[in-house]
Protein backbone atom coordinates (compact mmCIF):
# COMPACT_ATOMS: atom_id res chain seq x y z
CA MET A 1 -4.54 -28.27 -14.68
CA CYS A 2 -2.29 -26.43 -12.27
CA LYS A 3 -0.82 -26.79 -8.83
CA VAL A 4 -3.13 -25.72 -6.01
CA PHE A 5 -1.80 -23.01 -3.69
CA VAL A 6 -3.21 -21.17 -0.70
CA MET A 7 -5.76 -18.43 -1.37
CA PRO A 8 -3.94 -15.40 -2.74
CA ARG A 9 -3.64 -11.99 -1.23
CA LEU A 10 -4.61 -9.22 -3.59
CA ALA A 11 -1.63 -7.64 -5.28
CA ARG A 12 -0.72 -4.12 -4.31
CA LEU A 13 -1.59 -1.36 -6.73
CA ASP A 14 0.84 1.47 -7.32
CA ALA A 15 1.94 4.02 -9.90
CA PRO A 16 3.65 7.42 -9.90
CA GLY A 17 1.32 10.10 -8.57
CA VAL A 18 -0.95 7.74 -6.64
CA LEU A 19 -2.20 8.71 -3.16
CA HIS A 20 -1.83 5.96 -0.56
CA HIS A 21 -3.14 5.48 2.97
CA VAL A 22 -0.66 3.13 4.63
CA ILE A 23 -1.24 1.39 7.96
CA GLY A 24 1.47 -0.63 9.69
CA ARG A 25 0.78 -2.60 12.87
CA GLY A 26 2.94 -4.36 15.42
CA ILE A 27 2.94 -8.14 15.30
CA GLU A 28 0.36 -9.55 17.72
CA ARG A 29 -0.59 -5.93 18.49
CA ARG A 30 2.68 -5.38 20.32
CA LYS A 31 4.10 -1.90 20.77
CA ILE A 32 6.37 -0.71 17.99
CA PHE A 33 7.44 2.48 19.79
CA LEU A 34 8.73 2.14 23.35
CA ASP A 35 10.15 5.62 23.90
CA ALA A 36 10.83 9.00 22.29
CA ILE A 37 14.09 7.72 20.80
CA ASP A 38 12.19 5.10 18.83
CA ARG A 39 9.68 7.66 17.62
CA ASN A 40 12.34 10.16 16.58
CA ASP A 41 14.19 7.43 14.72
CA PHE A 42 11.02 6.53 12.80
CA VAL A 43 10.31 10.19 12.00
CA SER A 44 13.83 10.71 10.69
CA ARG A 45 13.37 7.71 8.40
CA LEU A 46 10.05 9.12 7.19
CA ALA A 47 11.88 12.34 6.33
CA ALA A 48 14.48 10.40 4.34
CA LEU A 49 11.77 8.95 2.10
CA THR A 50 11.01 12.42 0.73
CA GLU A 51 14.55 13.08 -0.53
CA GLY A 52 14.83 13.67 -4.26
CA GLU A 53 11.80 12.40 -6.16
CA GLY A 54 10.95 9.65 -3.68
CA THR A 55 7.69 10.23 -1.82
CA ALA A 56 5.49 13.16 -0.84
CA ILE A 57 4.15 12.90 2.71
CA TYR A 58 0.93 14.72 3.62
CA ALA A 59 -0.15 13.22 6.96
CA TRP A 60 1.18 10.73 9.50
CA VAL A 61 0.73 9.63 13.09
CA LEU A 62 2.63 7.35 15.45
CA MET A 63 0.51 5.42 17.93
CA SER A 64 1.87 2.88 20.43
CA ASN A 65 1.38 -0.26 18.31
CA HIS A 66 0.70 1.09 14.81
CA PHE A 67 1.20 4.03 12.48
CA HIS A 68 -0.74 5.74 9.69
CA LEU A 69 0.80 7.45 6.68
CA LEU A 70 -0.79 9.40 3.83
CA CYS A 71 1.66 9.76 0.98
CA LYS A 72 1.98 10.05 -2.77
CA THR A 73 4.45 7.98 -4.77
CA LYS A 74 6.73 9.74 -7.25
CA THR A 75 9.54 7.86 -8.98
CA ARG A 76 10.05 5.28 -6.22
CA PRO A 77 7.45 2.50 -5.81
CA LEU A 78 5.64 2.40 -2.49
CA SER A 79 6.99 -1.09 -1.80
CA SER A 80 10.57 0.19 -2.04
CA SER A 81 9.85 3.12 0.26
CA MET A 82 8.15 0.93 2.85
CA ARG A 83 10.94 -1.63 2.72
CA LYS A 84 13.50 1.11 3.32
CA LEU A 85 11.46 2.62 6.16
CA LEU A 86 10.46 -0.52 8.03
CA THR A 87 13.57 -2.65 7.58
CA GLY A 88 15.90 0.08 8.78
CA TYR A 89 13.67 0.89 11.72
CA VAL A 90 13.33 -2.73 12.84
CA VAL A 91 17.09 -3.33 12.71
CA ASN A 92 17.72 -0.29 14.89
CA PHE A 93 14.80 -1.08 17.23
CA ASN A 94 16.00 -4.65 17.81
CA LYS A 95 19.56 -3.51 18.43
CA ARG A 96 18.50 -0.84 20.95
CA HIS A 97 16.10 -3.09 22.85
CA LYS A 98 18.22 -6.26 22.60
CA ARG A 99 15.60 -8.34 20.84
CA ASP A 100 15.31 -10.49 17.72
CA GLY A 101 12.61 -11.33 15.22
CA HIS A 102 9.72 -9.54 13.53
CA LEU A 103 8.31 -6.29 14.84
CA PHE A 104 5.60 -5.51 12.28
CA GLN A 105 2.88 -7.68 10.84
CA ASN A 106 4.21 -9.27 7.68
CA ARG A 107 2.05 -7.21 5.37
CA TYR A 108 1.35 -3.52 5.89
CA LYS A 109 -1.96 -2.29 4.55
CA SER A 110 -2.04 0.17 1.66
CA ILE A 111 -5.13 1.67 0.06
CA ILE A 112 -5.15 3.83 -3.06
CA CYS A 113 -7.33 6.88 -2.40
CA GLN A 114 -9.30 9.24 -4.61
CA GLU A 115 -7.53 12.48 -3.86
CA ASP A 116 -10.20 15.10 -4.50
CA ALA A 117 -12.81 13.25 -2.47
CA TYR A 118 -10.70 11.91 0.40
CA LEU A 119 -7.45 13.80 0.98
CA LYS A 120 -8.93 16.29 3.45
CA GLU A 121 -10.90 13.61 5.29
CA LEU A 122 -7.89 11.32 5.56
CA VAL A 123 -5.57 14.06 6.82
CA ARG A 124 -8.06 14.84 9.58
CA TYR A 125 -8.78 11.21 10.40
CA ILE A 126 -5.10 10.27 10.62
CA HIS A 127 -4.10 13.17 12.86
CA LEU A 128 -7.09 12.78 15.19
CA ASN A 129 -5.87 9.28 16.05
CA LEU A 130 -3.84 10.86 18.85
CA ILE A 131 -7.01 12.19 20.51
CA ARG A 132 -9.07 9.06 19.85
CA GLY A 133 -6.27 6.91 21.26
CA GLY A 134 -5.86 9.05 24.37
CA MET A 135 -2.27 10.05 23.63
CA VAL A 136 -3.26 13.72 23.81
CA LYS A 137 -6.25 15.12 25.68
CA ASN A 138 -7.51 17.85 23.38
CA ILE A 139 -6.90 19.93 20.29
CA ARG A 140 -4.46 22.23 22.11
CA GLU A 141 -2.19 19.29 22.92
CA LEU A 142 -2.61 17.91 19.40
CA ASN A 143 -1.48 21.24 17.96
CA LYS A 144 1.90 20.81 19.68
CA SER A 145 2.42 17.05 19.62
CA PRO A 146 5.57 15.94 17.75
CA TRP A 147 4.08 12.54 16.93
CA SER A 148 1.81 13.49 14.04
CA GLY A 149 1.94 15.76 11.03
CA HIS A 150 -0.75 18.05 12.47
CA SER A 151 1.70 20.22 14.43
CA ALA A 152 3.66 20.98 11.24
CA LEU A 153 0.44 21.97 9.45
CA MET A 154 -0.26 24.33 12.33
CA GLY A 155 3.25 25.80 12.05
CA ASN A 156 4.22 24.76 15.60
CA VAL A 157 6.84 22.20 14.57
CA GLU A 158 9.10 22.79 11.60
CA ARG A 159 9.41 19.88 9.19
CA ASP A 160 10.69 20.90 5.78
CA TRP A 161 10.20 17.36 4.48
CA GLN A 162 6.43 17.29 5.10
CA ASP A 163 4.39 18.80 2.28
CA THR A 164 2.25 21.14 4.36
CA LYS A 165 1.73 23.67 1.57
CA TYR A 166 -0.06 21.17 -0.62
CA VAL A 167 -2.42 20.06 2.16
CA LEU A 168 -3.21 23.61 3.30
CA SER A 169 -3.93 24.62 -0.31
CA PHE A 170 -7.12 22.57 -0.02
CA PHE A 171 -8.32 24.93 2.72
CA GLY A 172 -7.41 28.36 1.36
CA ARG A 173 -4.46 30.71 1.09
CA GLY A 174 -2.05 31.83 3.79
CA ALA A 175 -3.30 32.27 7.34
CA ALA A 176 -6.90 31.67 6.26
CA GLY A 177 -6.01 28.22 5.00
CA LYS A 178 -4.46 27.31 8.34
CA ARG A 179 -7.50 28.59 10.27
CA ASN A 180 -9.88 26.71 8.01
CA TYR A 181 -7.85 23.55 8.40
CA LEU A 182 -7.93 23.79 12.20
CA GLU A 183 -11.70 24.32 12.21
CA PHE A 184 -12.11 21.34 9.91
CA VAL A 185 -10.08 19.16 12.29
CA LYS A 186 -12.10 20.35 15.29
CA ARG A 187 -15.35 19.42 13.58
CA GLY A 188 -14.03 15.90 13.15
CA ILE A 189 -13.46 15.21 16.85
CA PRO A 190 -17.09 14.23 17.63
CA LEU A 191 -17.22 11.91 14.59
CA GLY A 192 -15.18 9.22 16.37
CA GLN A 193 -13.99 6.17 14.45
CA ARG A 194 -14.47 6.45 10.69
CA SER A 195 -14.49 2.86 9.44
CA GLU A 196 -15.30 4.04 5.92
CA LEU A 197 -11.87 5.72 5.77
CA VAL A 198 -9.76 2.75 6.84
CA GLY A 199 -10.03 0.74 3.65
CA GLY A 200 -11.41 0.42 0.18
CA GLY A 201 -14.38 -1.41 -1.18
CA LEU A 202 -17.88 -0.42 -2.15
CA ILE A 203 -19.38 -0.44 1.35
CA ARG A 204 -16.73 1.87 2.75
CA SER A 205 -16.63 4.16 -0.26
CA LEU A 206 -20.40 4.68 -0.19
CA GLY A 207 -20.54 5.09 3.58
CA GLY A 208 -22.18 1.83 4.64
CA TRP A 209 -24.59 -0.95 3.71
CA ALA A 210 -27.62 1.34 3.77
CA GLU A 211 -26.36 3.33 0.80
CA VAL A 212 -25.27 0.18 -1.03
CA LEU A 213 -28.75 -1.34 -0.66
CA SER A 214 -30.38 1.91 -1.65
CA MET A 215 -28.35 2.01 -4.86
CA ARG A 216 -29.24 -1.59 -5.61
CA ARG A 217 -32.94 -0.84 -5.20
CA ARG A 218 -32.53 2.00 -7.68
CA GLY A 219 -30.82 -0.38 -10.08
CA GLN A 220 -27.50 1.44 -9.85
CA GLU A 221 -24.16 -0.33 -9.72
CA GLN A 222 -20.62 0.75 -8.94
CA VAL A 223 -17.33 -1.01 -9.46
CA SER A 224 -15.43 -1.56 -6.20
CA ASP A 225 -12.11 -2.96 -5.04
CA GLN A 226 -10.86 -3.53 -1.49
CA ARG A 227 -7.54 -1.89 -2.37
CA ILE A 228 -9.13 1.36 -3.53
CA LEU A 229 -11.02 4.08 -1.65
CA GLY A 230 -13.10 6.01 -4.16
CA ASP A 231 -16.23 6.01 -6.28
CA GLY A 232 -16.95 3.54 -9.04
CA GLU A 233 -15.58 5.72 -11.81
CA PHE A 234 -12.31 6.21 -9.94
CA VAL A 235 -12.01 2.46 -9.28
CA GLU A 236 -12.56 1.70 -12.95
CA THR A 237 -9.93 4.26 -13.96
CA VAL A 238 -7.33 2.89 -11.55
CA LEU A 239 -7.88 -0.71 -12.56
CA SER A 240 -7.81 0.12 -16.26
CA GLU A 241 -4.44 1.80 -15.85
CA MET A 242 -2.86 -0.97 -13.79
CA ASP A 243 -2.63 -4.65 -14.62
CA ASP A 244 -3.52 -6.19 -11.27
CA LEU A 245 -0.39 -8.23 -10.57
CA GLY A 246 1.72 -7.24 -13.54
CA LYS A 247 2.09 -3.58 -12.58
CA GLU A 248 2.14 -4.22 -8.85
CA ASN A 249 5.33 -2.24 -8.33
CA PHE A 250 5.49 -0.46 -11.75
CA ARG A 251 9.02 -1.85 -12.03
CA LEU A 252 10.88 1.13 -13.44
CA GLY A 253 13.66 0.49 -15.90
CA THR A 254 13.22 -3.30 -15.95
CA LYS A 255 13.91 -4.69 -19.41
CA LYS A 256 11.02 -6.89 -20.44
CA ILE A 257 11.91 -10.11 -22.24
CA ASP A 258 9.34 -12.02 -24.25
CA LEU A 259 7.59 -14.97 -22.64
CA ARG A 260 8.99 -17.49 -25.12
CA THR A 261 12.58 -16.56 -24.23
CA LEU A 262 11.81 -16.74 -20.52
CA ALA A 263 10.00 -20.06 -20.96
CA ASP A 264 12.99 -21.51 -22.85
CA LYS A 265 15.28 -20.61 -19.93
CA VAL A 266 12.95 -22.19 -17.38
CA CYS A 267 12.55 -25.32 -19.51
CA ASN A 268 16.32 -25.71 -19.88
CA VAL A 269 16.87 -25.52 -16.12
CA HIS A 270 14.14 -28.08 -15.38
CA ASP A 271 14.80 -30.30 -18.38
CA VAL A 272 11.25 -30.13 -19.73
CA SER A 273 10.08 -29.24 -23.21
CA LEU A 274 8.12 -26.15 -24.14
CA GLY A 275 5.27 -28.37 -25.24
CA GLU A 276 5.18 -30.09 -21.84
CA LEU A 277 5.23 -26.73 -20.06
CA ARG A 278 2.11 -25.64 -21.96
CA SER A 279 0.40 -29.04 -21.95
CA GLY A 280 -1.42 -28.85 -18.62
CA SER A 281 0.52 -31.85 -17.32
CA ARG A 282 0.51 -32.30 -13.55
CA ARG A 283 3.90 -33.97 -13.40
CA HIS A 284 5.87 -32.43 -10.53
CA GLU A 285 8.71 -31.05 -12.66
CA ILE A 286 6.31 -29.41 -15.10
CA VAL A 287 4.09 -27.92 -12.38
CA GLU A 288 7.14 -26.42 -10.71
CA ALA A 289 8.45 -25.00 -13.99
CA ARG A 290 5.03 -23.50 -14.73
CA TRP A 291 4.94 -21.84 -11.30
CA ILE A 292 8.45 -20.40 -11.72
CA LEU A 293 7.63 -19.00 -15.16
CA SER A 294 4.48 -17.37 -13.74
CA TRP A 295 6.33 -15.82 -10.81
CA LEU A 296 9.20 -14.44 -12.89
CA ALA A 297 6.96 -13.13 -15.67
CA VAL A 298 4.67 -11.24 -13.29
CA LYS A 299 7.00 -10.18 -10.50
CA GLU A 300 10.17 -9.46 -12.44
CA PHE A 301 8.99 -8.39 -15.88
CA GLY A 302 5.58 -6.86 -15.29
CA TYR A 303 3.38 -9.20 -17.32
CA SER A 304 -0.22 -9.44 -16.21
CA GLY A 305 -1.59 -12.69 -14.87
CA ALA A 306 -3.91 -12.84 -17.88
CA GLU A 307 -1.02 -12.59 -20.36
CA VAL A 308 0.90 -15.41 -18.67
CA ALA A 309 -2.24 -17.53 -18.41
CA ARG A 310 -2.93 -17.20 -22.13
CA TYR A 311 0.63 -18.23 -22.94
CA LEU A 312 0.57 -21.26 -20.65
CA GLY A 313 -2.96 -22.31 -21.49
CA VAL A 314 -4.20 -22.13 -17.88
CA THR A 315 -6.63 -19.85 -16.06
CA THR A 316 -5.69 -16.39 -14.81
CA SER A 317 -6.62 -17.42 -11.25
CA CYS A 318 -4.13 -20.27 -11.51
CA VAL A 319 -1.31 -17.84 -12.34
CA ASN A 320 -2.39 -15.37 -9.66
CA ARG A 321 -2.45 -18.11 -7.03
CA ALA A 322 1.04 -19.19 -8.03
CA VAL A 323 2.40 -15.66 -7.84
CA SER A 324 0.72 -14.97 -4.48
CA SER A 325 1.70 -18.25 -2.82
CA GLY A 326 4.48 -16.74 -0.73
CA GLN A 327 7.11 -18.94 -2.39
CA ARG A 328 9.94 -17.30 -4.31
CA PRO A 329 12.22 -19.00 -6.83
CA LYS A 330 15.91 -18.14 -7.03
CA LYS A 331 15.62 -15.79 -9.98
CA GLU A 332 19.34 -15.75 -10.63
CA ASN A 333 19.00 -19.31 -11.93
CA TYR A 334 16.77 -18.15 -14.75
CA ILE A 335 17.65 -14.55 -15.62
């Protein structure tokens, strides 16, 4: 038996070389950019993420109450990059506008994307947000707008930190690549909202329920995951390479200790025996110790929920619920 927690959020997936579509929204749909100073501050922080081997940025757009970002992680986990970007921006925003409290929704959205199939579509979709949202009137204004990555791809705004060469390489060489890219963007204007590009999952990846039902009638199946935008084979590959919770942030350089050693430390702090910890007892002290072991093993040392569950003698869902509960132990007491 295990302690019951609220329904878990799915763990983020990440690894070096993974393409992410990130969406961050203002809390209660409030504006996160009030003037050009705010926007320039955010853009400068985006640029800082690309320093060294941090993050490659391919597309981005700043709307009034949300932003989109298409990027590829290198040596720095996405969670670290987003923490650096959003925390610094919020501190400066609150100071400038004499306010306190949260600015963004607690959890930004990140979707791993199949690069070959979706990079071009996502670059176009993200940049056309300015037209769909009425912030610019037409393609001519979009070409010059400083609030998306499109103007850099067109060569009208210089941004050394944005990887324009990589994106344009999908459309051809030199001037021809730029022309082809512009024509591709123009063809996307009449398409309007593209719900299939704003998240993962089977329905979105296949383009809607009609295709899903058609596949089912043909007896075909595909693996899907809400955190991944891609076909079934791609989803299977991603999930096979990443232990759901255990590799959430691919904690680089973290020394992994064995579960028995970690369990001994937790038991000593809570004055319970190892046998009690693994007994399934529902006594408060033991339930708490079991939760702390689960959290530390998964979040700090990269064990999968299944590994911890096998050690404790509980279900994987039990461990995942504990890790995703929103509670955090004081790790310095145990490590």
